[in-house]
Protein backbone atom coordinates (compact mmCIF):
# COMPACT_ATOMS: atom_id res chain seq x y z
CA MET A 1 112.74 143.81 98.65
CA LEU A 2 109.45 144.34 97.52
CA VAL A 3 106.78 145.17 100.40
CA ALA A 4 103.61 146.19 98.75
CA ALA A 5 102.28 146.99 95.19
CA ALA A 6 99.42 148.06 93.36
CA VAL A 7 97.57 147.21 90.37
CA CYS A 8 95.64 149.81 88.52
CA PRO A 9 93.84 150.12 84.88
CA CYS A 10 95.70 153.18 82.89
CA PRO A 11 92.81 154.51 80.67
CA PRO A 12 93.09 158.37 80.43
CA LEU A 13 89.16 158.35 80.85
CA LEU A 14 90.48 157.22 84.68
CA VAL A 15 90.96 161.38 84.75
CA PRO A 16 87.74 163.01 84.70
CA GLU A 17 88.87 165.94 82.91
CA VAL A 18 89.10 163.69 79.82
CA ALA A 19 86.55 161.55 80.69
CA ALA A 20 84.00 164.77 81.14
CA GLY A 21 80.69 163.96 81.10
CA ALA A 22 81.42 160.25 81.41
CA ALA A 23 83.36 160.84 84.40
CA PRO A 24 80.82 159.46 87.15
CA GLU A 25 81.17 155.64 85.31
CA LEU A 26 84.88 154.94 86.79
CA ASP A 27 83.95 156.97 90.47
CA ALA A 28 84.14 153.24 91.39
CA ALA A 29 87.68 152.79 89.50
CA ARG A 30 88.95 155.71 90.78
CA ALA A 31 87.95 155.39 94.54
CA ALA A 32 89.56 151.78 94.49
CA CYS A 33 92.64 153.09 93.01
CA THR A 34 92.51 155.97 95.81
CA ASP A 35 92.64 152.82 98.42
CA ALA A 36 95.40 150.87 96.49
CA LEU A 37 97.80 154.00 97.18
CA GLY A 38 96.94 153.99 100.60
CA VAL A 39 98.38 150.64 100.83
CA LEU A 40 101.15 151.45 99.50
CA ALA A 41 101.95 154.44 101.57
CA ALA A 42 101.19 152.42 104.28
CA ALA A 43 103.91 149.93 103.67
CA ARG A 44 106.33 153.00 104.12
CA PRO A 45 108.59 152.15 101.00
CA HIS A 46 111.95 153.78 100.57
CA ARG A 47 111.68 153.89 96.90
CA LEU A 48 108.22 153.67 94.61
CA THR A 49 108.80 152.74 91.04
CA VAL A 50 105.53 153.19 88.59
CA VAL A 51 105.82 150.05 85.86
CA GLY A 52 103.43 150.99 82.87
CA PRO A 53 103.13 150.22 79.04
CA VAL A 54 105.20 151.76 76.52
CA ASP A 55 105.30 151.83 72.59
CA ALA A 56 108.81 150.70 72.73
CA PRO A 57 111.00 147.52 71.84
CA GLU A 58 113.29 148.22 75.12
CA PRO A 59 112.39 149.23 78.74
CA GLU A 60 112.41 152.90 79.21
CA THR A 61 113.37 155.09 82.52
CA TYR A 62 111.86 157.95 83.57
CA PRO A 63 113.16 159.54 86.31
CA GLU A 64 111.47 161.89 89.10
CA GLY A 65 109.99 165.29 87.96
CA THR A 66 109.47 163.70 84.45
CA ARG A 67 106.38 165.38 83.18
CA GLY A 68 103.44 164.00 81.37
CA SER A 69 100.55 165.74 79.48
CA PHE A 70 96.78 165.16 78.61
CA LYS A 71 96.84 167.50 75.75
CA GLY A 72 96.89 164.67 73.24
CA PHE A 73 93.15 163.79 74.63
CA GLY A 74 91.93 167.41 73.99
CA VAL A 75 92.73 168.50 78.00
CA ASP A 76 94.96 171.02 78.85
CA LEU A 77 96.24 169.43 82.06
CA ASP A 78 100.23 168.46 82.81
CA VAL A 79 101.24 166.17 85.39
CA ARG A 80 104.51 165.56 87.05
CA LEU A 81 106.14 162.24 88.34
CA GLY A 82 106.86 162.84 92.38
CA ARG A 83 108.33 165.73 93.13
CA ALA A 84 110.12 168.42 90.96
CA ALA A 85 113.71 167.80 89.84
CA GLU A 86 116.39 169.90 90.92
CA GLY A 87 115.69 173.35 89.24
CA ASP A 88 112.77 171.70 87.56
CA GLY A 89 114.78 170.50 84.54
CA GLY A 90 117.35 168.10 83.67
CA ALA A 91 117.01 164.79 83.11
CA GLY A 92 113.58 164.64 84.06
CA ALA A 93 112.67 166.95 81.07
CA GLU A 94 114.41 164.89 78.43
CA ARG A 95 111.59 163.03 77.77
CA ARG A 96 107.34 162.77 78.20
CA LEU A 97 105.90 160.18 80.05
CA PRO A 98 103.84 157.94 78.37
CA TYR A 99 99.85 157.91 78.83
CA ALA A 100 99.73 155.06 80.98
CA LEU A 101 102.68 156.62 83.43
CA ALA A 102 100.99 159.64 83.04
CA VAL A 103 97.90 158.29 84.27
CA ALA A 104 99.62 157.00 87.47
CA ALA A 105 101.51 160.43 88.09
CA TRP A 106 97.81 161.82 88.45
CA LEU A 107 96.94 159.30 90.75
CA LEU A 108 99.44 160.06 92.87
CA GLU A 109 99.60 163.98 92.67
CA ARG A 110 95.50 163.26 93.28
CA THR A 111 96.43 161.75 96.47
CA GLY A 112 98.83 163.21 97.61
CA TRP A 113 101.87 161.09 97.42
CA SER A 114 104.78 162.36 99.37
CA ASP A 115 105.80 159.11 101.32
CA ALA A 116 108.88 158.22 99.35
CA PRO A 117 110.78 159.03 95.53
CA VAL A 118 109.17 157.70 92.53
CA ASP A 119 110.34 156.85 89.42
CA GLY A 120 108.84 155.52 86.39
CA LEU A 121 109.57 152.51 83.81
CA GLY A 122 108.09 151.79 80.90
CA VAL A 123 107.87 148.25 79.25
CA GLY A 124 106.82 147.40 75.81
CA GLU A 125 103.92 144.44 75.15
CA ARG A 126 106.70 142.65 73.33
CA LEU A 127 108.88 142.19 76.15
CA ALA A 128 109.12 138.52 76.60
CA PRO A 129 108.24 137.02 80.40
CA GLY A 130 111.51 136.00 81.46
CA HIS A 131 112.64 139.59 80.56
CA CYS A 132 109.90 140.77 82.25
CA ALA A 133 110.48 138.74 85.36
CA ARG A 134 114.52 139.61 85.22
CA ILE A 135 113.58 143.44 85.58
CA GLY A 136 111.45 142.77 88.53
CA ARG A 137 114.12 141.08 90.01
CA ASP A 138 116.41 143.87 89.77
CA LEU A 139 113.62 146.75 90.82
CA ALA A 140 113.03 144.85 94.17
CA THR A 141 116.90 145.31 94.83
CA ARG A 142 116.96 148.62 94.68
CA ALA A 143 116.19 149.61 98.20
CA GLU A 144 115.29 147.95 101.40
CA ARG A 145 111.69 148.59 101.03
CA VAL A 146 110.30 148.91 97.59
CA ALA A 147 106.78 149.23 96.56
CA LEU A 148 105.49 149.28 92.81
CA LEU A 149 102.41 150.80 91.34
CA VAL A 150 101.91 148.92 88.32
CA MET A 151 99.73 150.10 85.60
CA GLY A 152 98.01 147.95 82.93
CA ASP A 153 94.63 147.18 81.68
CA ALA A 154 93.14 143.82 80.43
CA SER A 155 91.50 142.95 77.33
CA ALA A 156 89.70 145.28 74.89
CA CYS A 157 87.50 142.80 73.05
CA ARG A 158 84.87 142.20 75.94
CA THR A 159 81.96 143.56 73.84
CA LEU A 160 80.80 144.33 70.14
CA LYS A 161 81.58 147.94 70.98
CA ALA A 162 85.08 147.41 72.49
CA PRO A 163 88.16 148.85 70.93
CA GLY A 164 89.14 145.25 69.61
CA TYR A 165 85.47 144.16 68.71
CA LEU A 166 84.33 140.83 70.46
CA ASP A 167 86.28 138.09 71.10
CA GLU A 168 84.70 135.17 73.00
CA ARG A 169 88.63 134.37 74.79
CA ALA A 170 88.45 137.87 76.09
CA ALA A 171 86.47 136.85 79.18
CA PRO A 172 88.22 134.28 80.43
CA PHE A 173 91.60 135.55 80.06
CA ASP A 174 90.44 138.52 82.04
CA ALA A 175 88.89 135.92 84.49
CA GLU A 176 92.03 134.40 84.91
CA VAL A 177 93.97 137.93 84.93
CA GLY A 178 91.86 138.76 87.77
CA ARG A 179 91.84 135.74 90.01
CA ALA A 180 95.94 135.77 89.58
CA LEU A 181 95.98 139.53 90.55
CA GLY A 182 93.94 139.03 93.54
CA ALA A 183 95.90 135.64 94.68
CA ALA A 184 99.37 137.34 94.08
CA ASP A 185 99.71 133.88 91.94
CA LEU A 186 103.25 134.28 90.50
CA ALA A 187 103.04 131.40 88.69
CA ALA A 188 99.99 132.14 86.74
CA LEU A 189 100.94 135.53 86.08
CA MET A 190 104.14 134.38 84.39
CA ALA A 191 102.09 131.89 82.72
CA LEU A 192 99.99 134.58 80.79
CA ASP A 193 100.61 133.99 76.73
CA ALA A 194 101.86 137.23 75.21
CA GLY A 195 100.59 136.27 72.09
CA LEU A 196 97.27 135.88 73.04
CA ALA A 197 97.57 139.06 75.20
CA HIS A 198 98.52 140.73 72.05
CA GLU A 199 95.60 139.61 70.08
CA LEU A 200 93.21 140.84 72.96
CA LYS A 201 94.73 143.87 73.21
CA VAL A 202 95.97 143.53 76.69
CA SER A 203 98.42 146.34 77.77
CA GLY A 204 99.08 144.83 81.58
CA ARG A 205 100.92 141.53 80.28
CA ALA A 206 104.40 142.82 80.49
CA PRO A 207 103.81 144.95 83.69
CA TRP A 208 102.12 142.49 85.29
CA GLN A 209 105.28 139.74 84.71
CA VAL A 210 107.39 142.84 86.37
CA LEU A 211 105.48 142.57 89.35
CA ALA A 212 105.46 139.11 89.37
CA GLY A 213 109.46 138.97 89.05
CA ALA A 214 109.73 141.61 91.49
CA ALA A 215 107.46 139.58 94.17
CA GLU A 216 109.54 136.23 94.06
CA GLY A 217 110.52 135.69 97.72
CA ALA A 218 108.60 138.25 99.27
CA GLY A 219 105.50 136.46 100.59
CA LEU A 220 102.93 138.85 99.46
CA GLY A 221 99.44 138.35 99.74
CA GLY A 222 97.01 139.82 97.55
CA SER A 223 93.39 141.70 97.50
CA LEU A 224 90.98 142.24 94.81
CA LEU A 225 89.43 145.85 95.18
CA PHE A 226 87.66 146.38 91.99
CA GLU A 227 87.14 144.44 88.66
CA ASP A 228 84.77 145.50 85.73
CA ALA A 229 84.84 145.84 81.98
CA PRO A 230 83.41 149.47 81.00
CA TYR A 231 83.48 150.03 77.55
CA GLY A 232 84.52 146.67 76.91
CA VAL A 233 87.80 146.80 78.26
CA GLY A 234 88.92 144.80 81.38
CA TYR A 235 90.09 146.92 84.66
CA ALA A 236 91.05 145.28 87.53
CA VAL A 237 92.60 147.11 90.90
CA THR A 238 94.54 145.02 93.22
CA THR A 239 96.75 145.40 96.23
CA TRP A 240 99.74 143.30 97.29
CA SER A 241 100.94 143.29 100.83
């Protein structure tokens, strides 16, 4: 059963070494993410699953110990999802973490996560809402006490200099996302339009709908810790407990 969840943005710029001179601009977001992971730890889960966007048609799983790197962003920094696998090889060495889950691994290492085993799940942006919800329901049954760390950004079209340029639909979309996440409104999250989310370059839609499926019947309440759009991209940090 799902006992807690944290929703965090996933830009590599969240990692100070990647952001370099611009690192202070996301200090508030980093602090909120730290607080959100504290809520997960306080829930004493038996298992933590990190859910984030991946560029793949089907869901991809990442066992504990899977490694990731920020070398693609010009930084010689490696991370690992949870504890090292036995012998520091095997299943976890077969594939690398996608960038969103690498950011999650960095957050977990930064906060010293050791409260429960960790694994990862990547979901593609084209995954239908119903499929996302079914995945979430399955995740919630994997242990008596399950927690989710859900990674994803809102629109990338909030300003003229945003990655997706300015789209007037972006701000209302992000406002509804922030409201729904902060209120743990499952119906509203499931109602997010996948087509519009794709047009607005929203990476979090599928992960949020996985969360909505996992939270069915759990009776969790939400709290919005941070919401902003630096660089024209919508970021939100929320906790459900």
